[in-house]
C-alpha atoms as a PDB file:
ATOM      1  CA  MET A   1     152.956 170.644 168.084  1.00  0.00           C
ATOM      2  CA  THR A   2     151.998 166.988 168.499  1.00  0.00           C
ATOM      3  CA  LYS A   3     153.977 164.852 170.875  1.00  0.00           C
ATOM      4  CA  GLN A   4     155.825 162.041 169.106  1.00  0.00           C
ATOM      5  CA  GLU A   5     156.104 158.588 170.603  1.00  0.00           C
ATOM      6  CA  LYS A   6     159.571 157.991 172.013  1.00  0.00           C
ATOM      7  CA  ILE A   7     161.466 154.691 171.896  1.00  0.00           C
ATOM      8  CA  GLN A   8     164.499 153.932 174.033  1.00  0.00           C
ATOM      9  CA  VAL A   9     167.540 152.975 171.928  1.00  0.00           C
ATOM     10  CA  SER A  10     170.853 151.765 173.307  1.00  0.00           C
ATOM     11  CA  LEU A  11     174.064 151.598 171.334  1.00  0.00           C
ATOM     12  CA  ARG A  12     177.781 151.428 171.887  1.00  0.00           C
ATOM     13  CA  LEU A  13     179.876 154.215 170.405  1.00  0.00           C
ATOM     14  CA  PRO A  14     183.559 155.054 170.542  1.00  0.00           C
ATOM     15  CA  ALA A  15     184.318 157.264 173.539  1.00  0.00           C
ATOM     16  CA  SER A  16     185.821 159.910 171.254  1.00  0.00           C
ATOM     17  CA  LEU A  17     182.581 160.183 169.272  1.00  0.00           C
ATOM     18  CA  VAL A  18     180.498 160.517 172.427  1.00  0.00           C
ATOM     19  CA  GLY A  19     182.987 163.126 173.615  1.00  0.00           C
ATOM     20  CA  GLU A  20     182.374 165.160 170.473  1.00  0.00           C
ATOM     21  CA  PHE A  21     178.606 164.965 170.975  1.00  0.00           C
ATOM     22  CA  ASP A  22     179.086 166.072 174.586  1.00  0.00           C
ATOM     23  CA  ARG A  23     181.263 168.986 173.506  1.00  0.00           C
ATOM     24  CA  LEU A  24     178.649 170.108 170.980  1.00  0.00           C
ATOM     25  CA  ALA A  25     175.943 169.760 173.609  1.00  0.00           C
ATOM     26  CA  ASP A  26     177.935 171.973 176.001  1.00  0.00           C
ATOM     27  CA  ILE A  27     178.575 174.607 173.316  1.00  0.00           C
ATOM     28  CA  LEU A  28     174.910 174.648 172.299  1.00  0.00           C
ATOM     29  CA  ASP A  29     173.642 174.446 175.883  1.00  0.00           C
ATOM     30  CA  ARG A  30     171.627 171.334 174.928  1.00  0.00           C
ATOM     31  CA  ASP A  31     171.727 167.752 176.090  1.00  0.00           C
ATOM     32  CA  ARG A  32     173.537 164.955 174.279  1.00  0.00           C
ATOM     33  CA  THR A  33     170.254 163.372 173.168  1.00  0.00           C
ATOM     34  CA  TRP A  34     169.176 166.553 171.385  1.00  0.00           C
ATOM     35  CA  VAL A  35     172.502 166.764 169.516  1.00  0.00           C
ATOM     36  CA  MET A  36     172.371 163.098 168.527  1.00  0.00           C
ATOM     37  CA  GLN A  37     168.768 163.441 167.329  1.00  0.00           C
ATOM     38  CA  LYS A  38     169.793 166.388 165.123  1.00  0.00           C
ATOM     39  CA  ALA A  39     172.727 164.383 163.730  1.00  0.00           C
ATOM     40  CA  LEU A  40     170.545 161.365 162.965  1.00  0.00           C
ATOM     41  CA  ALA A  41     167.820 163.521 161.391  1.00  0.00           C
ATOM     42  CA  SER A  42     170.439 165.238 159.219  1.00  0.00           C
ATOM     43  CA  TYR A  43     171.775 161.869 158.072  1.00  0.00           C
ATOM     44  CA  LEU A  44     168.280 160.633 157.233  1.00  0.00           C
ATOM     45  CA  ALA A  45     167.531 163.822 155.273  1.00  0.00           C
ATOM     46  CA  SER A  46     170.619 163.438 153.094  1.00  0.00           C
ATOM     47  CA  GLU A  47     172.447 160.140 152.656  1.00  0.00           C
ATOM     48  CA  GLY A  48     169.703 158.099 154.298  1.00  0.00           C
ATOM     49  CA  ALA A  49     167.081 159.591 151.974  1.00  0.00           C
ATOM     50  CA  GLU A  50     169.155 158.622 148.932  1.00  0.00           C
ATOM     51  CA  ILE A  51     169.523 155.041 150.170  1.00  0.00           C
ATOM     52  CA  LEU A  52     165.783 154.771 150.877  1.00  0.00           C
ATOM     53  CA  ALA A  53     164.929 156.209 147.442  1.00  0.00           C
ATOM     54  CA  ASP A  54     167.272 153.720 145.759  1.00  0.00           C
ATOM     55  CA  ALA A  55     165.724 150.840 147.723  1.00  0.00           C
ATOM     56  CA  THR A  56     162.230 152.005 146.753  1.00  0.00           C
ATOM     57  CA  GLY A  57     163.262 152.139 143.099  1.00  0.00           C
ATOM     58  CA  LEU A  58     164.708 148.639 143.242  1.00  0.00           C
ATOM     59  CA  GLU A  59     161.531 147.353 144.894  1.00  0.00           C
ATOM     60  CA  GLU A  60     159.482 148.939 142.084  1.00  0.00           C
ATOM     61  CA  LEU A  61     161.692 147.257 139.484  1.00  0.00           C
ATOM     62  CA  ASP A  62     161.299 143.923 141.263  1.00  0.00           C
ATOM     63  CA  ARG A  63     157.510 144.350 141.052  1.00  0.00           C
ATOM     64  CA  GLY A  64     157.792 145.142 137.327  1.00  0.00           C
ATOM     65  CA  GLU A  65     156.826 148.791 137.818  1.00  0.00           C
ATOM     66  CA  SER A  66     159.207 150.295 135.318  1.00  0.00           C
ATOM     67  CA  VAL A  67     159.243 152.025 131.957  1.00  0.00           C
ATOM     68  CA  ASP A  68     161.263 150.712 129.054  1.00  0.00           C
ATOM     69  CA  LEU A  69     164.115 153.068 128.145  1.00  0.00           C
ATOM     70  CA  ASP A  70     163.336 152.782 124.433  1.00  0.00           C
ATOM     71  CA  ASP A  71     159.773 153.952 125.110  1.00  0.00           C
ATOM     72  CA  VAL A  72     161.061 156.959 127.056  1.00  0.00           C
ATOM     73  CA  LEU A  73     163.523 157.860 124.305  1.00  0.00           C
ATOM     74  CA  GLU A  74     160.840 157.568 121.614  1.00  0.00           C
ATOM     75  CA  LYS A  75     158.533 159.861 123.565  1.00  0.00           C
ATOM     76  CA  ALA A  76     161.390 162.357 123.984  1.00  0.00           C
ATOM     77  CA  ARG A  77     162.105 162.257 120.222  1.00  0.00           C
ATOM     78  CA  LYS A  78     158.435 162.947 119.478  1.00  0.00           C
ATOM     79  CA  LEU A  79     158.385 165.890 121.900  1.00  0.00           C
ATOM     80  CA  VAL A  80     161.523 167.369 120.334  1.00  0.00           C
ATOM     81  CA  ALA A  81     160.152 166.885 116.808  1.00  0.00           C
ATOM     82  CA  ALA A  82     156.862 168.579 117.764  1.00  0.00           C
ATOM     83  CA  ALA A  83     158.746 171.496 119.303  1.00  0.00           C
ATOM     84  CA  ASP A  84     160.890 171.794 116.158  1.00  0.00           C
ATOM     85  CA  ARG A  85     157.753 171.869 113.970  1.00  0.00           C
ATOM     86  CA  ARG A  86     156.163 174.612 116.113  1.00  0.00           C
ATOM     87  CA  ARG A  87     159.358 176.621 115.992  1.00  0.00           C
ATOM     88  CA  ALA A  88     159.552 176.259 112.204  1.00  0.00           C
ATOM     89  CA  LEU A  89     155.926 177.406 111.818  1.00  0.00           C
ATOM     90  CA  ARG A  90     156.559 180.483 113.927  1.00  0.00           C
ATOM     91  CA  ALA A  91     159.722 181.325 111.992  1.00  0.00           C
ATOM     92  CA  GLY A  92     157.882 181.548 108.805  1.00  0.00           C
END
């Protein structure tokens, strides 16, 4: 496993939230930092990932990297029509 660079981060949190992290750390026999890292990684893998994907999509639109909906629908219609023709040929 490669060693990742570490950066010191300081933040203020409500005492009750820190207390919950401490309780989890005690239950899991881990330190608070480990529990907080897991919580942050979980957030980034779910809600954070959605936000980043949305931002990436908006950036692509701003750069003009998009496909016209009418073009997509026309391509879908052609694919469906071709599938219908193949099905009709097989049926007889």
